Amino acid sequence: MKATPALFPFSKIFPGFHHFSSLVKRHIKHLFPLWGAASLTSLSNGIVFFLLAAFIDQKTFALYAVGQAISILANAWTDGGIAFALQTLSSQEKNNKSLFEFYYKEGMRLSLKVGIPLSLFLGIFLFLFHIYGSFGKELSWEVITLFFSCGLLQNRIGFCSAFLYALGDFKSYGFVQAFSPALRLFLVLLIFLFQGSKTSLSVLLSVDLLSFFSGWSLSGFFLRLKKKKLQYLPLDETEQKKRKREISRFMWPAIQANVLLSSSHTVGTFAGAFFGGSSTVALYSLFQRVNQLTMLAVGPLSGYLSRKLILTEDEKERYTKAKRFLSYSFLLSLLFVFFLLGAYLVGEKFSSHYAFHDLQTFQIFLLCNFLVSIYAFVDNFLVSWRYSGHRLLSSWLFIGKFIILCLCKPTTAFSLFALDAFFLFLIDTYYFIRFLSFGRKATYEQAFKT
């Protein structure tokens, strides 16, 4: 008998559909805890932020948003890209204890060498912001210091989590990543139950400190448990020297890039606080937080695919896989843009909140959202070549962004997002050029070997 044709021939319309579905089935046991943790983390952070935006007064919400930006800078500047470098370079499947200890010692050494001077520089910047910022004066120096401490605690969580990820302990990694945000959500709900809209900034700050301190303690506990299960395999001196050179080559561009990129991501909030007021900071920070909805899928997926590409030795095969992964990333990024637009239009119809009555600002934000998703994918794919120079070169665009902000002095959220979109487009274009250069190199080397 003749076979009945399929009602919807996926294989003809989407030639790579069956291959994509087989990839998902093969790796779902690892992706599930990563997606689950990222989902819980993003949802917890998002719910907390949206609850605060909905119920507390606009000024307190804006002050908390600036405090969050301070924590982000403290985390990024004191880390300097060390956690991501360790997560990438120390990836292994043999559970070698000597290799783990080598990277752990190098990571601690770099943390002290990099973190202390960068902390001092950041402290000077925050002091100037507190003195001269029109809205920065509303934050006391004591509150700024405590938000800075929250960033340090997040730094230590990231350091321990990087090794859990590199060793393939995705369940512990996912649990650690989700614990602090989930605890913060629980505490905020508990506080709202008793205080409601009268919740103060000091109470919210105390919740952050308790949540991140608990997460740091838990991440260290899981890492000690994992260390006990490792097997000792000797690492000769030649191999150690080779890996030290690799760390040095990878780290120094990553340090500069991490500092500049984190500054670039938060400069909009600080510019809004410096030139604008509470309404500008509140709207800009609230829309920026919506990016977490996209990161539910983009974050863990791009990191996981990058790890798979790193473990692919043949560069030609790696480039072929990366191109296929990149095509899926475009579709996923567009899907989230349309989803967010639909959700906003529904909210505009049924809600009277100030965030749902500035469609023009939200539209320019959606462009930023798409460009950020593409940035996350291509960035992780480039890292799979054990290369981080693209971050250094692209992050120097922050200087241009900072100069334009100082010249234009934007006072609205729309103008801040317009500048964000322009610089994200420049960075994504540069990343694509670097990605194509790796493809040409892989093709040339394959032909040369043949």
Protein backbone atom coordinates (compact mmCIF):
# COMPACT_ATOMS: atom_id res chain seq x y z
CA MET A 1 0.00 0.00 0.00
CA LYS A 2 1.06 3.53 -0.65
CA ALA A 3 2.04 5.45 2.48
CA THR A 4 -0.23 8.30 3.46
CA PRO A 5 1.63 11.61 3.17
CA ALA A 6 2.10 13.60 6.35
CA LEU A 7 -0.36 16.44 6.90
CA PHE A 8 2.51 18.78 7.76
CA PRO A 9 5.83 17.64 6.21
CA PHE A 10 8.34 19.11 8.70
CA SER A 11 11.30 17.46 6.97
CA LYS A 12 10.56 19.27 3.69
CA ILE A 13 9.68 22.66 5.12
CA PHE A 14 12.41 22.61 7.81
CA PRO A 15 15.24 20.36 6.52
CA GLY A 16 17.12 20.44 9.82
CA PHE A 17 14.09 19.72 12.01
CA HIS A 18 14.77 16.01 12.57
CA HIS A 19 18.42 16.65 13.34
CA PHE A 20 17.44 19.38 15.79
CA SER A 21 14.90 17.15 17.54
CA SER A 22 17.46 14.33 17.85
CA LEU A 23 19.93 16.78 19.42
CA VAL A 24 17.33 17.85 21.97
CA LYS A 25 16.48 14.24 22.88
CA ARG A 26 20.15 13.35 23.31
CA HIS A 27 21.03 16.27 25.57
CA ILE A 28 17.72 16.95 27.35
CA LYS A 29 18.91 15.31 30.60
CA HIS A 30 21.62 17.96 30.86
CA LEU A 31 19.61 20.84 29.43
CA PHE A 32 16.64 20.26 31.73
CA PRO A 33 18.42 21.20 35.00
CA LEU A 34 20.10 24.14 33.25
CA TRP A 35 16.85 25.42 31.78
CA GLY A 36 15.02 24.71 35.02
CA ALA A 37 17.55 26.66 37.07
CA ALA A 38 17.67 29.52 34.59
CA SER A 39 13.88 29.62 34.46
CA LEU A 40 13.53 29.68 38.24
CA THR A 41 16.30 32.28 38.54
CA SER A 42 14.89 34.58 35.89
CA LEU A 43 11.31 34.17 37.04
CA SER A 44 12.25 34.79 40.68
CA ASN A 45 14.26 37.90 39.84
CA GLY A 46 11.61 39.08 37.41
CA ILE A 47 8.71 38.54 39.82
CA VAL A 48 10.56 40.38 42.59
CA PHE A 49 11.31 43.29 40.28
CA PHE A 50 7.78 43.44 38.87
CA LEU A 51 6.23 43.20 42.35
CA LEU A 52 8.37 46.10 43.50
CA ALA A 53 7.48 48.12 40.41
CA ALA A 54 3.78 47.42 40.91
CA PHE A 55 3.41 48.02 44.65
CA ILE A 56 6.13 50.24 46.12
CA ASP A 57 6.46 53.93 45.30
CA GLN A 58 8.38 54.92 42.19
CA LYS A 59 11.24 56.61 44.05
CA THR A 60 12.01 53.57 46.24
CA PHE A 61 11.84 51.33 43.17
CA ALA A 62 14.24 53.59 41.25
CA LEU A 63 16.68 53.66 44.20
CA TYR A 64 16.60 49.86 44.40
CA ALA A 65 17.23 49.65 40.63
CA VAL A 66 20.32 51.85 41.00
CA GLY A 67 21.44 49.67 43.93
CA GLN A 68 21.06 46.59 41.74
CA ALA A 69 23.25 48.25 39.11
CA ILE A 70 25.89 48.85 41.79
CA SER A 71 25.77 45.14 42.74
CA ILE A 72 26.17 44.15 39.08
CA LEU A 73 29.24 46.36 38.72
CA ALA A 74 30.74 45.06 41.98
CA ASN A 75 30.22 41.47 40.84
CA ALA A 76 31.65 42.04 37.37
CA TRP A 77 34.59 44.26 38.31
CA THR A 78 35.83 42.10 41.19
CA ASP A 79 35.35 38.96 39.09
CA GLY A 80 36.95 40.38 35.95
CA GLY A 81 35.77 37.47 33.79
CA ILE A 82 37.63 34.93 35.95
CA ALA A 83 34.59 32.73 36.65
CA PHE A 84 33.67 32.44 32.97
CA ALA A 85 37.28 31.74 32.02
CA LEU A 86 37.50 28.94 34.60
CA GLN A 87 34.15 27.54 33.50
CA THR A 88 35.37 27.43 29.90
CA LEU A 89 39.00 26.34 30.25
CA SER A 90 38.62 23.85 33.11
CA SER A 91 35.88 21.83 31.37
CA GLN A 92 36.72 18.14 31.63
CA GLU A 93 35.04 14.74 31.55
CA LYS A 94 37.69 12.71 33.45
CA ASN A 95 37.03 14.24 36.92
CA ASN A 96 40.74 14.84 37.41
CA LYS A 97 41.41 16.22 40.91
CA SER A 98 44.86 17.59 40.08
CA LEU A 99 43.45 19.51 37.10
CA PHE A 100 40.67 20.91 39.28
CA GLU A 101 43.12 22.00 42.00
CA PHE A 102 45.38 23.63 39.42
CA TYR A 103 42.57 25.80 38.06
CA TYR A 104 41.20 26.50 41.55
CA LYS A 105 44.56 27.84 42.77
CA GLU A 106 45.04 29.89 39.62
CA GLY A 107 41.52 31.27 39.99
CA MET A 108 42.10 32.32 43.61
CA ARG A 109 45.40 33.95 42.69
CA LEU A 110 43.81 35.92 39.87
CA SER A 111 40.83 36.88 42.05
CA LEU A 112 43.11 38.63 44.53
CA LYS A 113 45.38 40.10 41.87
CA VAL A 114 42.52 41.52 39.82
CA GLY A 115 39.72 42.05 42.33
CA ILE A 116 41.47 44.31 44.85
CA PRO A 117 42.65 47.09 42.47
CA LEU A 118 39.39 47.03 40.49
CA SER A 119 37.40 47.32 43.73
CA LEU A 120 39.32 50.49 44.58
CA PHE A 121 38.67 52.02 41.14
CA LEU A 122 34.97 51.18 41.36
CA GLY A 123 34.80 52.67 44.85
CA ILE A 124 36.16 55.98 43.52
CA PHE A 125 33.58 56.01 40.71
CA LEU A 126 30.70 55.31 43.12
CA PHE A 127 31.89 58.07 45.44
CA LEU A 128 31.85 60.58 42.57
CA PHE A 129 28.40 59.34 41.49
CA HIS A 130 27.14 59.83 45.04
CA ILE A 131 28.51 63.38 45.23
CA TYR A 132 27.63 64.74 41.77
CA GLY A 133 24.68 62.62 40.53
CA SER A 134 21.30 64.40 40.65
CA PHE A 135 19.55 61.19 41.74
CA GLY A 136 22.70 59.55 43.17
CA LYS A 137 22.55 61.85 46.18
CA GLU A 138 19.42 60.01 47.29
CA LEU A 139 21.53 56.92 48.09
CA SER A 140 23.59 57.20 51.26
CA TRP A 141 27.21 56.06 51.24
CA GLU A 142 26.37 53.27 53.71
CA VAL A 143 23.66 51.89 51.41
CA ILE A 144 26.03 52.02 48.41
CA THR A 145 28.62 50.04 50.39
CA LEU A 146 26.09 47.34 51.31
CA PHE A 147 24.91 46.98 47.70
CA PHE A 148 28.59 46.65 46.77
CA SER A 149 28.85 43.81 49.32
CA CYS A 150 25.95 42.04 47.60
CA GLY A 151 27.99 42.09 44.40
CA LEU A 152 30.98 40.54 46.17
CA LEU A 153 28.80 37.69 47.45
CA GLN A 154 27.48 37.08 43.92
CA ASN A 155 31.09 37.00 42.73
CA ARG A 156 31.92 34.14 45.11
CA ILE A 157 28.79 32.22 44.08
CA GLY A 158 29.85 32.53 40.44
CA PHE A 159 33.39 31.36 41.24
CA CYS A 160 32.21 28.13 42.91
CA SER A 161 29.48 27.54 40.32
CA ALA A 162 31.98 27.78 37.47
CA PHE A 163 33.77 24.65 38.69
CA LEU A 164 30.52 22.74 39.21
CA TYR A 165 29.60 23.51 35.59
CA ALA A 166 33.04 22.64 34.24
CA LEU A 167 32.98 19.29 36.05
CA GLY A 168 29.61 18.46 34.52
CA ASP A 169 27.66 18.59 37.81
CA PHE A 170 24.74 20.38 36.19
CA LYS A 171 22.23 19.50 38.92
CA SER A 172 24.26 21.11 41.70
CA TYR A 173 25.11 24.03 39.42
CA GLY A 174 21.45 24.59 38.63
CA PHE A 175 20.40 24.34 42.26
CA VAL A 176 23.04 26.86 43.36
CA GLN A 177 22.10 29.29 40.60
CA ALA A 178 18.41 29.21 41.51
CA PHE A 179 18.72 29.16 45.31
CA SER A 180 19.49 32.81 46.09
CA PRO A 181 16.87 34.31 43.73
CA ALA A 182 14.22 31.86 44.98
CA LEU A 183 15.06 32.66 48.61
CA ARG A 184 14.87 36.38 47.87
CA LEU A 185 11.46 35.94 46.23
CA PHE A 186 10.18 34.02 49.27
CA LEU A 187 11.43 36.68 51.68
CA VAL A 188 10.00 39.54 49.59
CA LEU A 189 6.58 37.85 49.47
CA LEU A 190 6.75 37.35 53.23
CA ILE A 191 7.63 41.01 53.77
CA PHE A 192 4.86 42.20 51.43
CA LEU A 193 2.43 40.09 53.43
CA PHE A 194 3.16 42.15 56.55
CA GLN A 195 4.31 45.54 55.22
CA GLY A 196 2.81 45.81 51.74
CA SER A 197 3.55 49.00 49.84
CA LYS A 198 5.32 50.48 52.89
CA THR A 199 8.37 48.25 52.32
CA SER A 200 11.52 50.37 52.64
CA LEU A 201 14.84 50.27 50.80
CA SER A 202 16.71 49.11 53.91
CA VAL A 203 14.45 46.05 54.22
CA LEU A 204 15.01 45.12 50.56
CA LEU A 205 18.76 45.53 51.00
CA SER A 206 18.72 43.20 54.03
CA VAL A 207 16.89 40.59 51.97
CA ASP A 208 19.56 40.77 49.25
CA LEU A 209 22.41 40.36 51.74
CA LEU A 210 20.82 37.34 53.43
CA SER A 211 19.93 35.65 50.12
CA PHE A 212 23.36 35.98 48.52
CA PHE A 213 25.24 35.04 51.69
CA SER A 214 23.17 31.84 51.89
CA GLY A 215 23.87 31.12 48.21
CA TRP A 216 27.61 31.55 48.72
CA SER A 217 27.59 29.11 51.65
CA LEU A 218 25.61 26.56 49.63
CA SER A 219 27.83 26.78 46.53
CA GLY A 220 30.95 26.20 48.63
CA PHE A 221 29.32 23.18 50.27
CA PHE A 222 28.45 21.55 46.92
CA LEU A 223 31.93 22.21 45.55
CA ARG A 224 33.55 20.51 48.55
CA LEU A 225 31.30 17.48 48.04
CA LYS A 226 32.22 17.30 44.35
CA LYS A 227 35.93 17.62 45.15
CA LYS A 228 35.79 14.50 47.35
CA LYS A 229 34.55 12.44 44.38
CA LEU A 230 37.38 13.43 42.04
CA GLN A 231 40.18 11.03 41.13
CA TYR A 232 43.80 12.10 41.33
CA LEU A 233 45.55 11.92 37.96
CA PRO A 234 49.01 13.54 37.83
CA LEU A 235 49.40 16.75 35.86
CA ASP A 236 52.97 17.15 34.63
CA GLU A 237 54.83 20.45 34.73
CA THR A 238 54.81 20.86 30.94
CA GLU A 239 51.03 20.58 30.88
CA GLN A 240 50.73 23.09 33.73
CA LYS A 241 52.88 25.63 31.88
CA LYS A 242 50.80 25.12 28.76
CA ARG A 243 47.57 25.70 30.66
CA LYS A 244 48.98 28.77 32.42
CA ARG A 245 49.80 30.28 29.03
CA GLU A 246 46.29 29.44 27.88
CA ILE A 247 44.79 31.12 30.96
CA SER A 248 46.96 34.20 30.43
CA ARG A 249 45.99 34.41 26.76
CA PHE A 250 42.31 33.99 27.61
CA MET A 251 42.15 36.02 30.82
CA TRP A 252 43.60 39.44 30.15
CA PRO A 253 41.29 40.28 27.25
CA ALA A 254 38.41 38.82 29.29
CA ILE A 255 39.23 41.02 32.31
CA GLN A 256 39.17 44.22 30.28
CA ALA A 257 36.09 43.11 28.38
CA ASN A 258 34.21 42.14 31.55
CA VAL A 259 34.86 45.51 33.16
CA LEU A 260 33.92 47.49 30.06
CA LEU A 261 30.91 45.36 29.10
CA SER A 262 29.43 45.40 32.60
CA SER A 263 29.90 49.16 32.62
CA SER A 264 28.22 49.35 29.23
CA HIS A 265 25.24 47.31 30.46
CA THR A 266 24.70 49.51 33.53
CA VAL A 267 25.72 52.90 32.16
CA GLY A 268 22.14 53.51 31.01
CA THR A 269 20.82 53.17 34.55
CA PHE A 270 23.53 55.44 35.92
CA ALA A 271 22.98 57.94 33.10
CA GLY A 272 19.26 57.99 33.86
CA ALA A 273 20.04 58.62 37.52
CA PHE A 274 22.65 61.25 36.65
CA PHE A 275 20.75 63.26 34.02
CA GLY A 276 17.13 62.22 34.55
CA GLY A 277 15.01 61.33 37.52
CA SER A 278 13.13 58.50 39.18
CA SER A 279 10.68 58.03 36.27
CA THR A 280 13.49 57.58 33.72
CA VAL A 281 15.35 55.10 35.93
CA ALA A 282 12.17 53.19 36.78
CA LEU A 283 11.00 52.73 33.17
CA TYR A 284 14.46 51.94 31.77
CA SER A 285 15.24 49.43 34.55
CA LEU A 286 11.83 47.76 34.28
CA PHE A 287 12.11 47.17 30.52
CA GLN A 288 15.69 46.00 30.89
CA ARG A 289 14.50 43.40 33.40
CA VAL A 290 12.18 41.97 30.73
CA ASN A 291 15.33 40.66 29.04
CA GLN A 292 15.37 37.93 31.67
CA LEU A 293 12.36 36.36 29.98
CA THR A 294 14.48 35.90 26.87
CA MET A 295 17.43 34.61 28.89
CA LEU A 296 15.28 31.74 30.16
CA ALA A 297 16.12 29.97 26.91
CA VAL A 298 19.06 31.89 25.49
CA GLY A 299 21.35 31.83 28.54
CA PRO A 300 21.66 28.11 29.35
CA LEU A 301 21.20 27.04 25.73
CA SER A 302 24.02 29.21 24.38
CA GLY A 303 26.35 28.15 27.22
CA TYR A 304 25.54 24.48 26.77
CA LEU A 305 26.01 24.59 23.00
CA SER A 306 29.31 26.41 23.51
CA ARG A 307 30.53 23.60 25.77
CA LYS A 308 29.58 21.05 23.10
CA LEU A 309 31.51 23.04 20.51
CA ILE A 310 34.55 23.26 22.80
CA LEU A 311 34.62 19.47 23.09
CA THR A 312 34.55 19.16 19.27
CA GLU A 313 38.22 18.90 18.33
CA ASP A 314 37.96 19.26 14.54
CA GLU A 315 37.59 22.96 13.67
CA LYS A 316 35.78 22.32 10.40
CA GLU A 317 33.18 20.19 12.15
CA ARG A 318 32.91 22.76 14.97
CA TYR A 319 32.24 25.57 12.49
CA THR A 320 29.59 23.51 10.70
CA LYS A 321 27.82 22.81 13.98
CA ALA A 322 28.08 26.46 15.03
CA LYS A 323 26.42 27.64 11.79
CA ARG A 324 23.54 25.24 12.36
CA PHE A 325 23.16 26.36 15.97
CA LEU A 326 23.22 29.99 14.85
CA SER A 327 20.29 29.52 12.47
CA TYR A 328 18.22 28.17 15.35
CA SER A 329 19.23 31.15 17.50
CA PHE A 330 17.76 33.63 14.98
CA LEU A 331 14.40 31.87 15.03
CA LEU A 332 14.34 31.69 18.82
CA SER A 333 15.23 35.37 19.18
CA LEU A 334 12.44 36.44 16.82
CA LEU A 335 9.98 34.21 18.65
CA PHE A 336 10.65 35.98 21.93
CA VAL A 337 10.33 39.42 20.34
CA PHE A 338 6.82 38.62 19.06
CA PHE A 339 5.87 37.03 22.36
CA LEU A 340 6.92 40.11 24.34
CA LEU A 341 5.12 42.46 21.94
CA GLY A 342 1.90 40.47 22.27
CA ALA A 343 2.17 40.43 26.06
CA TYR A 344 2.70 44.21 26.13
CA LEU A 345 -0.34 44.91 23.94
CA VAL A 346 -2.50 42.79 26.25
CA GLY A 347 -1.13 44.65 29.28
CA GLU A 348 -1.77 48.00 27.60
CA LYS A 349 -5.43 47.08 27.20
CA PHE A 350 -6.08 45.85 30.73
CA SER A 351 -3.59 47.70 32.98
CA SER A 352 -3.22 51.33 34.02
CA HIS A 353 0.43 50.98 35.14
CA TYR A 354 2.79 53.63 33.71
CA ALA A 355 4.97 50.96 32.04
CA PHE A 356 2.12 49.90 29.71
CA HIS A 357 1.54 53.35 28.28
CA ASP A 358 4.79 54.02 26.47
CA LEU A 359 4.61 51.75 23.42
CA GLN A 360 7.22 53.71 21.48
CA THR A 361 9.83 53.10 24.18
CA PHE A 362 8.91 49.42 24.37
CA GLN A 363 9.29 49.01 20.60
CA ILE A 364 12.84 50.34 20.62
CA PHE A 365 13.49 48.08 23.61
CA LEU A 366 12.35 45.04 21.55
CA LEU A 367 15.04 45.83 19.00
CA CYS A 368 17.57 45.81 21.84
CA ASN A 369 16.11 42.52 23.08
CA PHE A 370 16.66 40.83 19.71
CA LEU A 371 20.20 42.16 19.39
CA VAL A 372 21.06 41.03 22.93
CA SER A 373 19.88 37.48 22.16
CA ILE A 374 22.03 37.28 19.04
CA TYR A 375 24.94 38.75 20.98
CA ALA A 376 24.67 36.01 23.64
CA PHE A 377 24.66 33.19 21.08
CA VAL A 378 27.48 34.44 18.86
CA ASP A 379 29.62 35.40 21.86
CA ASN A 380 29.43 31.88 23.30
CA PHE A 381 30.10 30.30 19.91
CA LEU A 382 33.26 32.39 19.49
CA VAL A 383 34.42 31.33 22.96
CA SER A 384 34.26 27.69 21.84
CA TRP A 385 37.45 28.42 19.86
CA ARG A 386 39.07 29.29 23.23
CA TYR A 387 39.18 32.89 22.10
CA SER A 388 38.02 35.96 24.02
CA GLY A 389 39.65 38.79 22.07
CA HIS A 390 36.33 39.71 20.47
CA ARG A 391 35.05 40.75 23.90
CA LEU A 392 37.98 43.06 24.45
CA LEU A 393 37.70 44.84 21.11
CA SER A 394 33.91 45.13 21.16
CA SER A 395 33.83 46.33 24.75
CA TRP A 396 35.96 49.35 23.89
CA LEU A 397 32.84 50.68 22.18
CA PHE A 398 31.72 51.46 25.73
CA ILE A 399 34.04 54.47 25.65
CA GLY A 400 32.21 55.80 22.61
CA LYS A 401 28.87 55.11 24.27
CA PHE A 402 29.98 56.90 27.43
CA ILE A 403 31.13 59.94 25.43
CA ILE A 404 27.82 60.13 23.52
CA LEU A 405 25.85 59.86 26.77
CA CYS A 406 27.86 62.72 28.24
CA LEU A 407 27.31 64.85 25.13
CA CYS A 408 23.62 64.07 24.60
CA LYS A 409 22.63 63.95 28.30
CA PRO A 410 19.55 61.75 27.66
CA THR A 411 16.66 62.33 30.04
CA THR A 412 14.17 59.75 28.68
CA ALA A 413 14.14 55.95 28.58
CA PHE A 414 13.53 56.02 24.79
CA SER A 415 16.77 57.88 24.09
CA LEU A 416 18.70 55.49 26.36
CA PHE A 417 17.36 52.43 24.50
CA ALA A 418 18.06 54.04 21.11
CA LEU A 419 21.73 54.39 22.06
CA ASP A 420 21.76 50.81 23.37
CA ALA A 421 20.38 49.48 20.06
CA PHE A 422 22.94 51.38 18.00
CA PHE A 423 25.92 50.01 19.93
CA LEU A 424 24.50 46.48 20.13
CA PHE A 425 24.19 46.49 16.33
CA LEU A 426 27.85 47.49 15.99
CA ILE A 427 28.95 44.74 18.40
CA ASP A 428 26.85 42.03 16.72
CA THR A 429 28.22 43.01 13.31
CA TYR A 430 31.78 42.72 14.57
CA TYR A 431 31.05 39.33 16.18
CA PHE A 432 29.68 37.99 12.89
CA ILE A 433 32.81 39.11 11.08
CA ARG A 434 34.97 37.27 13.64
CA PHE A 435 32.76 34.19 13.37
CA LEU A 436 33.11 34.10 9.57
CA SER A 437 36.88 34.50 9.89
CA PHE A 438 37.03 31.32 12.00
CA GLY A 439 35.05 29.55 9.29
CA ARG A 440 37.48 30.64 6.57
CA LYS A 441 40.42 29.55 8.74
CA ALA A 442 38.88 26.12 9.38
CA THR A 443 38.19 25.63 5.66
CA TYR A 444 41.75 26.61 4.74
CA GLU A 445 43.31 24.29 7.34
CA GLN A 446 41.12 21.39 6.22
CA ALA A 447 42.14 21.92 2.58
CA PHE A 448 45.81 22.22 3.56
CA LYS A 449 45.69 18.92 5.50
CA THR A 450 44.00 17.20 2.56
